[in-house]
Structure formats: C-alpha cells, structure tokens
Amino acid sequence: MSDGYTILTLDKLETASHRGSNLIPVRHALGFRPAGVNAWKADAGGQLIPPHEEDRGSPELYAVVRGRARFTVGEEEAEAPAGTLVFVPAETFRTAVAAEDNTIVFVVGGWIGEAFETGGWDSFALADTYRQAGWLDEARAVMEQLIAQRADYWASSYNAGLLEALAGNADPAFEHFRRAKELDSEGESAAFFREDRRLDSLRDDPRFEELLA
C-alpha cells in the first residue's frame, strides 16, 4: 500500500467460513465503506453463494472472476462462466455453486438512495474463523476494527460479545452485550438474546436476565 491505495490479489486473502461457503472478506481487508464488497471461492460442486434473500432491500451484482458458477435466481438456473455478471434484485432468492475448481465470484451490494453501513456479518465470520483456529487475539482485533467503524451500532457490540461467549469468556461477553442493549433504541436485539442458541452457555448466568428485561 502507498499513498492511501491498495493492490491485492483475491487468492492471497484468507478465507472465512460462513453458512457453508468460503468467504473472501474483501470489505474487511480494504476497510472499504462505500458499498458492501466481498468474494466467494469454491471448487467444483462446492457452495459459492449461501442460499438467501436480501430482505433489507439490497440489490446485488455478482461477477464471476474465475472459473464457472451455476446460479439459481428465483426458480431459474443459469450457467455463468468467467466474465459473467448476474444482477439480483432485493428480496429475490439466490444461491450459486461452483462448476469448476478455483471458482471465484465477486459481489457488490448496497441500498438505493441510502448510504451504505456494514452490518458486520463478514467481520464476525472472519473473527469466528480465527477463534476456531485458536487465534483469539486476531479475532478480537477484527471485532475492534468493526466497532471502531460502527461504534454506535448495537450489532457490532453484540457480535463482539458473541465471539467472547463462544470462546468461553463470560465477563467480556456481558460487557459487550450490555453495550449492545444500550445502543439498541429500537429493541432489535431482544429477539437475538431470546433465540440465539449460540448464547446457551450464558443463559444460567444471573446477568443474562438483565439482557432479557
């Protein structure tokens, strides 16, 4: 990097596991904030794009950088060799699998008429991959970067607490969760505290009742 610009190769970025796919965390690596940008990588037969709909109203543009992908969009399937662009409107089902080894798909998303703000799911995927590898300091550094970018967003603190909970560290987990609840003026976190099974190790702790109140 020099003078504020960055040149990177997708193959050189570490991948993170997310919902059965291999995420290349481009947004995190670049600190990119104008839009949601990431990439996915898989060998033949492997899942590239996790099955989902963008229910928050975000259209997405997928570009097949290398290899060949098989997309399912709505109820239709399409072969997509390298150089293909696939545009998917919001609230339309989409998924893709690799039809060749070393296939990479790059994706850009955002909201029409609104500034992009990351939800941090990709940062958590990378942090949790580090945690599972035993690199807790590196995992925390990822979440600290996310909180620095979106300090006022409850989900940033929630995901930092979730990381600590999964690592078996109750005290820092509750610190982050309390902060998440303080920031959540709309009460969106309540359903996560009630239903997220990844928090089960904390539910017998008296402090957990404070989060449910």
Protein backbone atom coordinates (compact mmCIF):
# COMPACT_ATOMS: atom_id res chain seq x y z
CA MET A 1 0.00 0.00 0.00
CA SER A 2 1.19 3.53 -0.80
CA ASP A 3 -0.42 6.97 -0.74
CA GLY A 4 -3.68 5.52 0.52
CA TYR A 5 -4.30 2.98 -2.23
CA THR A 6 -4.18 -0.80 -2.01
CA ILE A 7 -3.50 -3.51 -4.57
CA LEU A 8 -4.35 -7.05 -3.52
CA THR A 9 -4.91 -10.46 -5.04
CA LEU A 10 -8.06 -12.34 -4.05
CA ASP A 11 -6.15 -15.63 -3.85
CA LYS A 12 -3.86 -14.17 -1.17
CA LEU A 13 -6.65 -13.25 1.23
CA GLU A 14 -7.54 -15.76 3.95
CA THR A 15 -11.00 -17.22 3.61
CA ALA A 16 -13.60 -17.42 6.37
CA SER A 17 -16.36 -19.97 6.78
CA HIS A 18 -19.88 -18.58 6.51
CA ARG A 19 -23.06 -20.64 6.19
CA GLY A 20 -21.38 -23.46 4.28
CA SER A 21 -19.40 -21.20 1.94
CA ASN A 22 -15.86 -19.83 1.80
CA LEU A 23 -15.93 -16.05 2.16
CA ILE A 24 -13.07 -13.89 0.93
CA PRO A 25 -13.50 -10.89 3.27
CA VAL A 26 -12.69 -8.10 0.84
CA ARG A 27 -14.56 -5.33 2.68
CA HIS A 28 -12.67 -6.03 5.89
CA ALA A 29 -9.30 -6.35 4.17
CA LEU A 30 -9.67 -3.00 2.42
CA GLY A 31 -11.64 -1.20 5.10
CA PHE A 32 -14.00 -0.42 2.21
CA ARG A 33 -17.08 1.60 3.23
CA PRO A 34 -18.88 2.99 0.14
CA ALA A 35 -20.65 -0.35 -0.55
CA GLY A 36 -20.75 -3.95 0.54
CA VAL A 37 -18.00 -5.82 -1.33
CA ASN A 38 -16.88 -9.39 -0.82
CA ALA A 39 -15.99 -12.51 -2.77
CA TRP A 40 -16.68 -16.22 -2.54
CA LYS A 41 -14.48 -19.15 -3.51
CA ALA A 42 -15.17 -22.86 -4.08
CA ASP A 43 -14.05 -25.91 -6.02
CA ALA A 44 -16.35 -27.83 -8.36
CA GLY A 45 -19.54 -28.85 -6.58
CA GLY A 46 -18.92 -26.56 -3.62
CA GLN A 47 -21.34 -23.89 -2.49
CA LEU A 48 -20.30 -20.39 -3.54
CA ILE A 49 -23.18 -18.12 -2.55
CA PRO A 50 -25.13 -19.14 0.58
CA PRO A 51 -28.86 -19.53 -0.20
CA HIS A 52 -30.59 -16.33 0.86
CA GLU A 53 -32.76 -13.36 0.05
CA GLU A 54 -31.78 -9.76 0.77
CA ASP A 55 -34.82 -8.87 2.85
CA ARG A 56 -33.42 -5.46 3.80
CA GLY A 57 -33.92 -4.27 0.23
CA SER A 58 -30.37 -4.56 -1.11
CA PRO A 59 -29.91 -5.48 -4.78
CA GLU A 60 -26.64 -7.30 -5.51
CA LEU A 61 -24.37 -7.62 -8.52
CA TYR A 62 -22.30 -10.80 -8.84
CA ALA A 63 -19.27 -11.03 -11.16
CA VAL A 64 -17.69 -14.38 -11.95
CA VAL A 65 -13.98 -13.57 -11.76
CA ARG A 66 -12.61 -17.03 -12.44
CA GLY A 67 -13.92 -20.50 -13.22
CA ARG A 68 -17.60 -21.19 -13.78
CA ALA A 69 -20.61 -20.93 -11.48
CA ARG A 70 -24.13 -22.29 -11.60
CA PHE A 71 -26.57 -19.71 -10.24
CA THR A 72 -30.09 -20.26 -9.01
CA VAL A 73 -32.05 -16.99 -9.02
CA GLY A 74 -35.70 -17.24 -8.08
CA GLU A 75 -36.74 -20.50 -9.71
CA GLU A 76 -34.32 -20.30 -12.65
CA GLU A 77 -30.84 -21.74 -13.08
CA ALA A 78 -28.09 -20.26 -15.23
CA GLU A 79 -24.53 -21.23 -16.12
CA ALA A 80 -22.11 -18.35 -15.55
CA PRO A 81 -18.55 -18.66 -16.92
CA ALA A 82 -15.80 -16.19 -16.06
CA GLY A 83 -16.74 -12.69 -17.19
CA THR A 84 -20.46 -13.13 -16.48
CA LEU A 85 -22.43 -10.57 -14.46
CA VAL A 86 -25.53 -11.64 -12.53
CA PHE A 87 -27.77 -8.88 -11.14
CA VAL A 88 -30.27 -9.94 -8.47
CA PRO A 89 -32.94 -7.56 -7.16
CA ALA A 90 -33.70 -7.36 -3.46
CA GLU A 91 -36.00 -9.97 -1.93
CA THR A 92 -35.22 -12.47 -4.71
CA PHE A 93 -33.81 -15.86 -3.75
CA ARG A 94 -30.26 -16.51 -4.89
CA THR A 95 -27.52 -19.11 -4.47
CA ALA A 96 -24.67 -20.49 -6.56
CA VAL A 97 -22.35 -23.49 -6.69
CA ALA A 98 -19.00 -23.83 -8.42
CA ALA A 99 -18.95 -25.79 -11.69
CA GLU A 100 -15.14 -25.70 -11.89
CA ASP A 101 -12.32 -25.80 -9.37
CA ASN A 102 -10.97 -22.49 -8.04
CA THR A 103 -14.08 -20.54 -8.99
CA ILE A 104 -14.31 -17.03 -7.54
CA VAL A 105 -17.37 -14.78 -7.55
CA PHE A 106 -17.16 -11.12 -6.54
CA VAL A 107 -20.27 -9.36 -5.17
CA VAL A 108 -21.27 -5.74 -4.64
CA GLY A 109 -24.39 -4.68 -2.74
CA GLY A 110 -25.99 -1.67 -1.13
CA TRP A 111 -29.23 0.25 -0.73
CA ILE A 112 -30.76 2.53 -3.32
CA GLY A 113 -30.82 6.11 -2.08
CA GLU A 114 -29.09 5.32 1.21
CA ALA A 115 -25.51 5.47 2.41
CA PHE A 116 -24.05 2.02 2.95
CA GLU A 117 -23.35 0.92 6.51
CA THR A 118 -21.95 -2.53 7.14
CA GLY A 119 -23.87 -4.90 9.37
CA GLY A 120 -20.59 -6.61 10.25
CA TRP A 121 -21.61 -10.20 9.44
CA ASP A 122 -18.46 -10.64 7.33
CA SER A 123 -16.22 -9.32 10.11
CA PHE A 124 -17.79 -11.76 12.54
CA ALA A 125 -17.32 -14.65 10.07
CA LEU A 126 -13.61 -13.86 9.86
CA ALA A 127 -13.27 -13.34 13.61
CA ASP A 128 -15.02 -16.62 14.38
CA THR A 129 -12.83 -18.46 11.89
CA TYR A 130 -9.82 -17.09 13.77
CA ARG A 131 -11.38 -18.12 17.09
CA GLN A 132 -11.87 -21.67 15.91
CA ALA A 133 -8.24 -21.76 14.82
CA GLY A 134 -7.18 -20.67 18.32
CA TRP A 135 -6.21 -17.12 17.28
CA LEU A 136 -8.32 -15.21 19.78
CA ASP A 137 -6.19 -12.06 19.76
CA GLU A 138 -6.54 -11.82 15.98
CA ALA A 139 -10.28 -12.46 16.30
CA ARG A 140 -10.67 -9.65 18.81
CA ALA A 141 -8.69 -7.30 16.58
CA VAL A 142 -11.20 -7.89 13.78
CA MET A 143 -14.11 -7.04 16.05
CA GLU A 144 -12.32 -4.00 17.46
CA GLN A 145 -11.91 -2.69 13.92
CA LEU A 146 -15.63 -3.22 13.27
CA ILE A 147 -16.61 -1.40 16.47
CA ALA A 148 -14.30 1.48 15.54
CA GLN A 149 -16.10 1.76 12.20
CA ARG A 150 -19.61 1.47 13.65
CA ALA A 151 -19.34 2.30 17.34
CA ASP A 152 -22.98 3.42 17.52
CA TYR A 153 -24.45 0.24 16.02
CA TRP A 154 -25.73 -2.32 18.52
CA ALA A 155 -24.91 -5.34 16.34
CA SER A 156 -21.20 -4.51 16.39
CA SER A 157 -21.12 -4.91 20.17
CA TYR A 158 -23.47 -7.88 20.03
CA ASN A 159 -21.16 -9.76 17.66
CA ALA A 160 -18.14 -8.90 19.81
CA GLY A 161 -19.99 -10.36 22.79
CA LEU A 162 -20.97 -13.42 20.79
CA LEU A 163 -17.32 -14.01 19.93
CA GLU A 164 -16.38 -13.91 23.62
CA ALA A 165 -19.30 -16.18 24.54
CA LEU A 166 -18.21 -18.78 22.00
CA ALA A 167 -14.67 -18.52 23.37
CA GLY A 168 -15.98 -19.22 26.90
CA ASN A 169 -15.25 -15.75 28.26
CA ALA A 170 -18.41 -14.68 30.08
CA ASP A 171 -17.26 -11.40 31.65
CA PRO A 172 -16.19 -9.62 28.43
CA ALA A 173 -19.19 -11.15 26.67
CA PHE A 174 -21.60 -9.50 29.10
CA GLU A 175 -19.76 -6.19 28.83
CA HIS A 176 -20.30 -6.16 25.08
CA PHE A 177 -23.91 -7.36 25.40
CA ARG A 178 -24.77 -4.60 27.87
CA ARG A 179 -23.33 -2.07 25.45
CA ALA A 180 -25.33 -3.58 22.61
CA LYS A 181 -28.54 -3.25 24.59
CA GLU A 182 -27.73 0.36 25.49
CA LEU A 183 -27.24 1.21 21.82
CA ASP A 184 -30.36 -0.62 20.63
CA SER A 185 -33.03 2.07 20.81
CA GLU A 186 -35.40 0.10 18.55
CA GLY A 187 -35.27 -3.14 20.56
CA GLU A 188 -33.99 -5.18 17.62
CA SER A 189 -31.54 -7.12 19.80
CA ALA A 190 -34.26 -8.62 22.00
CA ALA A 191 -35.06 -11.44 19.59
CA PHE A 192 -31.38 -12.33 19.30
CA PHE A 193 -30.92 -12.52 23.07
CA ARG A 194 -34.01 -14.74 23.33
CA GLU A 195 -33.39 -17.02 20.37
CA ASP A 196 -29.67 -17.19 19.54
CA ARG A 197 -28.71 -20.73 20.55
CA ARG A 198 -25.05 -19.76 20.49
CA LEU A 199 -25.68 -17.94 23.76
CA ASP A 200 -26.91 -21.04 25.61
CA SER A 201 -23.73 -21.28 27.68
CA LEU A 202 -24.65 -17.96 29.31
CA ARG A 203 -28.34 -18.44 29.96
CA ASP A 204 -27.92 -19.77 33.52
CA ASP A 205 -25.84 -16.74 34.49
CA PRO A 206 -27.98 -14.25 36.53
CA ARG A 207 -26.63 -11.44 34.35
CA PHE A 208 -28.42 -12.87 31.35
CA GLU A 209 -31.81 -11.90 32.82
CA GLU A 210 -30.76 -8.25 32.57
CA LEU A 211 -30.44 -8.66 28.81
CA LEU A 212 -33.93 -10.11 28.53
CA ALA A 213 -35.61 -7.42 30.64
